[in-house]
Protein backbone atom coordinates (compact mmCIF):
# COMPACT_ATOMS: atom_id res chain seq x y z
CA MET A 1 -20.52 -13.74 33.20
CA LYS A 2 -17.57 -16.08 32.77
CA PRO A 3 -15.32 -15.49 29.74
CA THR A 4 -15.68 -18.00 26.92
CA PRO A 5 -12.83 -20.56 27.05
CA PHE A 6 -10.32 -20.31 24.23
CA ASP A 7 -11.01 -22.98 21.60
CA TYR A 8 -7.59 -24.25 20.48
CA LYS A 9 -8.97 -26.57 17.80
CA ARG A 10 -11.00 -23.74 16.32
CA ALA A 11 -7.92 -21.47 16.36
CA ILE A 12 -6.02 -24.05 14.32
CA GLN A 13 -8.87 -24.25 11.82
CA ILE A 14 -8.89 -20.44 11.55
CA GLN A 15 -5.16 -20.52 10.85
CA LYS A 16 -5.65 -23.03 8.04
CA ILE A 17 -8.40 -20.95 6.43
CA LEU A 18 -6.48 -17.68 6.66
CA SER A 19 -3.23 -19.22 5.45
CA SER A 20 -4.93 -20.35 2.25
CA LYS A 21 -5.92 -16.73 1.66
CA ALA A 22 -2.36 -15.56 2.29
CA LEU A 23 -0.92 -18.18 -0.07
CA GLU A 24 -3.49 -17.29 -2.75
CA SER A 25 -2.40 -13.63 -2.55
CA LEU A 26 1.09 -14.70 -3.69
CA GLU A 27 -0.29 -15.94 -7.00
CA LYS A 28 -1.15 -12.36 -8.06
CA PRO A 29 1.22 -10.14 -6.07
CA GLU A 30 0.36 -6.46 -5.78
CA PRO A 31 3.13 -3.88 -6.30
CA LEU A 32 4.51 -2.86 -2.92
CA GLY A 33 4.78 0.80 -3.85
CA GLU A 34 6.82 3.43 -2.06
CA VAL A 35 7.82 2.58 1.49
CA LYS A 36 8.13 5.62 3.77
CA TYR A 37 7.43 4.08 7.17
CA VAL A 38 8.09 0.67 8.67
CA ALA A 39 6.44 -0.35 11.94
CA GLY A 40 8.09 -2.85 14.26
CA VAL A 41 6.42 -4.62 17.18
CA ASP A 42 7.54 -6.62 20.18
CA ALA A 43 6.37 -7.40 23.70
CA ALA A 44 7.51 -8.00 27.25
CA TYR A 45 5.65 -9.35 30.27
CA TYR A 46 5.23 -8.39 33.93
CA HIS A 47 2.95 -9.83 36.62
CA GLY A 48 0.96 -11.79 34.03
CA ARG A 49 0.40 -8.78 31.77
CA ILE A 50 1.73 -8.03 28.29
CA VAL A 51 3.31 -4.73 27.24
CA GLY A 52 2.97 -4.51 23.46
CA VAL A 53 4.98 -1.80 21.73
CA ALA A 54 4.73 -0.53 18.16
CA VAL A 55 7.46 1.74 16.81
CA LEU A 56 7.30 3.70 13.58
CA LEU A 57 10.56 4.32 11.73
CA GLU A 58 11.37 6.25 8.61
CA TYR A 59 12.58 4.04 5.79
CA PRO A 60 15.38 3.57 4.92
CA SER A 61 16.97 6.04 7.38
CA GLY A 62 15.76 4.14 10.44
CA ILE A 63 14.91 7.36 12.30
CA LEU A 64 12.36 6.76 15.08
CA VAL A 65 9.25 8.85 14.39
CA GLU A 66 6.98 7.72 17.23
CA TYR A 67 5.94 4.76 19.33
CA SER A 68 2.86 3.55 21.16
CA VAL A 69 2.27 1.19 24.07
CA VAL A 70 -0.56 -1.16 25.01
CA ASP A 71 -0.71 -2.81 28.43
CA LYS A 72 -3.21 -5.63 28.81
CA LYS A 73 -3.74 -9.17 30.04
CA PRO A 74 -2.86 -11.73 27.35
CA PRO A 75 -5.96 -13.62 26.25
CA ILE A 76 -4.38 -17.09 26.29
CA PRO A 77 -1.29 -18.83 27.68
CA TYR A 78 1.67 -19.41 25.39
CA VAL A 79 0.98 -22.25 22.96
CA PRO A 80 3.60 -23.15 20.32
CA GLY A 81 2.23 -22.32 16.87
CA LEU A 82 -0.52 -20.08 18.27
CA LEU A 83 1.60 -17.10 19.31
CA ALA A 84 -0.51 -14.70 17.24
CA PHE A 85 -3.61 -15.36 19.35
CA ARG A 86 -1.63 -14.38 22.47
CA GLU A 87 0.37 -11.37 21.28
CA ALA A 88 -1.19 -10.02 18.06
CA PRO A 89 -4.15 -8.29 19.80
CA ALA A 90 -1.72 -6.10 21.77
CA TYR A 91 0.41 -5.42 18.70
CA ILE A 92 -2.56 -4.51 16.52
CA SER A 93 -3.94 -2.17 19.19
CA ALA A 94 -0.53 -0.49 19.49
CA ILE A 95 -0.22 -0.06 15.70
CA LEU A 96 -3.68 1.49 15.51
CA LYS A 97 -2.62 4.04 18.14
CA LEU A 98 0.15 5.41 15.91
CA SER A 99 -0.63 8.79 14.36
CA ARG A 100 0.90 7.80 11.03
CA GLU A 101 0.06 4.70 9.04
CA PRO A 102 2.93 2.28 8.36
CA ASP A 103 3.56 1.02 4.85
CA VAL A 104 5.10 -2.26 6.06
CA LEU A 105 4.92 -4.23 9.31
CA MET A 106 7.95 -6.06 10.72
CA VAL A 107 7.40 -8.69 13.38
CA ASP A 108 9.80 -10.65 15.59
CA GLY A 109 8.45 -14.01 14.47
CA HIS A 110 7.56 -16.04 11.41
CA GLY A 111 5.25 -15.50 8.47
CA LEU A 112 4.52 -18.33 6.04
CA SER A 113 7.38 -20.40 7.51
CA HIS A 114 4.91 -21.82 10.02
CA PRO A 115 3.38 -25.32 10.26
CA ARG A 116 0.00 -24.05 9.06
CA GLY A 117 1.35 -21.15 6.99
CA LEU A 118 0.08 -18.52 9.40
CA GLY A 119 2.82 -17.23 11.65
CA ILE A 120 2.25 -14.03 13.58
CA ALA A 121 3.60 -11.83 10.76
CA THR A 122 1.11 -13.28 8.28
CA HIS A 123 -1.71 -13.16 10.83
CA MET A 124 -1.13 -9.46 11.49
CA GLY A 125 -0.74 -8.60 7.82
CA LEU A 126 -4.07 -10.23 7.05
CA VAL A 127 -5.90 -8.56 9.94
CA LEU A 128 -4.54 -5.09 9.13
CA ASP A 129 -4.41 -5.68 5.35
CA LYS A 130 -0.79 -4.50 5.33
CA PRO A 131 2.40 -5.88 3.78
CA SER A 132 4.24 -7.70 6.55
CA ILE A 133 7.60 -9.37 7.17
CA GLY A 134 8.57 -11.98 9.74
CA VAL A 135 12.14 -11.83 11.06
CA ALA A 136 12.91 -14.67 13.45
CA LYS A 137 16.04 -15.82 15.26
CA LYS A 138 15.22 -19.53 15.07
CA LYS A 139 13.69 -21.86 12.54
CA LEU A 140 10.12 -22.90 13.25
CA TYR A 141 9.10 -24.84 10.16
CA GLY A 142 10.25 -25.63 6.65
CA GLU A 143 12.89 -27.55 4.70
CA ARG A 144 16.24 -25.84 4.45
CA VAL A 145 17.42 -25.66 0.84
CA THR A 146 20.41 -24.05 -0.88
CA ILE A 147 19.91 -22.23 -4.18
CA ASN A 148 22.84 -20.59 -5.94
CA GLY A 149 24.84 -20.68 -2.73
CA GLU A 150 22.15 -18.99 -0.61
CA ASP A 151 19.99 -20.64 2.05
CA TYR A 152 16.19 -20.63 2.08
CA LEU A 153 13.24 -22.36 3.71
CA ARG A 154 10.75 -24.24 1.59
CA ALA A 155 7.25 -24.86 2.97
CA HIS A 156 3.75 -25.34 1.59
CA GLY A 157 5.17 -26.03 -1.87
CA ARG A 158 7.15 -22.81 -2.23
CA ILE A 159 10.13 -20.83 -1.00
CA VAL A 160 8.82 -18.79 1.93
CA ALA A 161 11.91 -17.51 3.76
CA LYS A 162 15.55 -16.61 3.25
CA ILE A 163 18.21 -17.28 5.87
CA ILE A 164 20.64 -14.40 6.13
CA LYS A 165 23.72 -14.00 8.28
CA HIS A 166 24.13 -10.99 10.54
CA ARG A 167 26.68 -10.54 13.35
CA GLY A 168 27.65 -14.19 12.97
CA LYS A 169 24.07 -15.42 13.54
CA GLU A 170 21.21 -16.51 11.33
CA LEU A 171 18.02 -14.53 10.77
CA TYR A 172 15.00 -16.12 9.13
CA VAL A 173 13.32 -13.51 6.93
CA SER A 174 9.92 -14.77 5.81
CA ILE A 175 7.03 -13.60 3.70
CA GLY A 176 4.24 -12.33 5.89
CA TYR A 177 1.53 -10.92 3.65
CA LYS A 178 1.30 -8.84 0.46
CA ILE A 179 5.05 -8.84 -0.07
CA THR A 180 7.54 -10.83 -2.09
CA LEU A 181 10.49 -12.53 -0.45
CA GLU A 182 12.85 -10.29 -2.40
CA GLU A 183 11.11 -7.17 -1.06
CA ALA A 184 11.10 -8.56 2.48
CA VAL A 185 14.83 -9.31 2.36
CA GLU A 186 15.67 -5.90 0.86
CA ILE A 187 13.75 -3.99 3.53
CA THR A 188 15.14 -6.13 6.34
CA THR A 189 18.72 -5.80 5.10
CA LYS A 190 18.46 -2.02 4.87
CA MET A 191 17.23 -1.87 8.47
CA LEU A 192 20.10 -3.93 9.89
CA LYS A 193 22.81 -2.15 11.87
CA PRO A 194 26.20 -3.66 12.75
CA GLN A 195 25.73 -3.06 16.49
CA TYR A 196 22.35 -4.82 16.85
CA ASN A 197 21.29 -8.43 16.34
CA LEU A 198 17.82 -7.57 15.03
CA PRO A 199 16.61 -5.07 12.40
CA LEU A 200 16.02 -1.62 13.87
CA PRO A 201 12.19 -1.79 13.98
CA THR A 202 12.08 -4.94 16.09
CA HIS A 203 15.25 -4.08 18.04
CA ILE A 204 13.83 -0.75 19.21
CA ALA A 205 10.42 -2.30 19.97
CA ASP A 206 12.15 -5.06 21.96
CA GLN A 207 14.22 -2.62 24.02
CA LEU A 208 11.28 -0.31 24.69
CA SER A 209 8.91 -3.10 25.69
CA LYS A 210 11.46 -4.53 28.14
CA LYS A 211 12.18 -1.11 29.64
CA ILE A 212 8.50 -0.24 30.09
CA ALA A 213 7.63 -3.68 31.51
CA ARG A 214 10.53 -3.43 33.95
CA GLU A 215 9.39 0.02 35.12
CA LYS A 216 5.81 -1.18 35.57
CA LYS A 217 6.97 -4.27 37.46
CA ASN A 218 9.04 -2.18 39.83
CA LYS A 219 6.07 0.08 40.58
CA ILE A 220 3.76 -2.78 41.45
CA LYS A 221 4.60 -5.03 44.36
CA PRO A 222 3.61 -8.65 43.75
């Protein structure tokens, strides 16, 4: 049986429906509660396969508790704005393999600062029903505004991300799901280290995924 072709138009409609749910959740925010563990995810590729890694860190110490790996074929090619449909399945599977449950998810990507309000951080937060944060290196969507000397992104009628400086570069910290921007920025800031460009959860996941993908690539001759 041939696999069903990916329906891009339907994926966009799904994003619009889910983003309305995410935006509605901001109207009555739930208390975040105590944060003991933050999970970070990232991926690397080899021979057309994706290595998705989830790391679990103690908060705020940043101590690595455990990590998990998922190796699979990505379901769709890369499509701008639809990254979640390509990478989120691997990330979610890796998170579910962790022996401890994270309190917050941190993703190398955007949350509500997305054309349809459903970046990969928001997508994953909704699927797993977990507070989530997007931390991206580049702007994807939104109007840059300055409030009291600090820079933000406005999109979908609200402030959805804060632009912070770290190691001379900008990081776009956005609301994913079930979290306020203030909480997202506080957690991200506490997980930044002077020697790394990204917060520890996504930095460690990035380094591990690249290392594992490289080892797998070297073992398999093309």
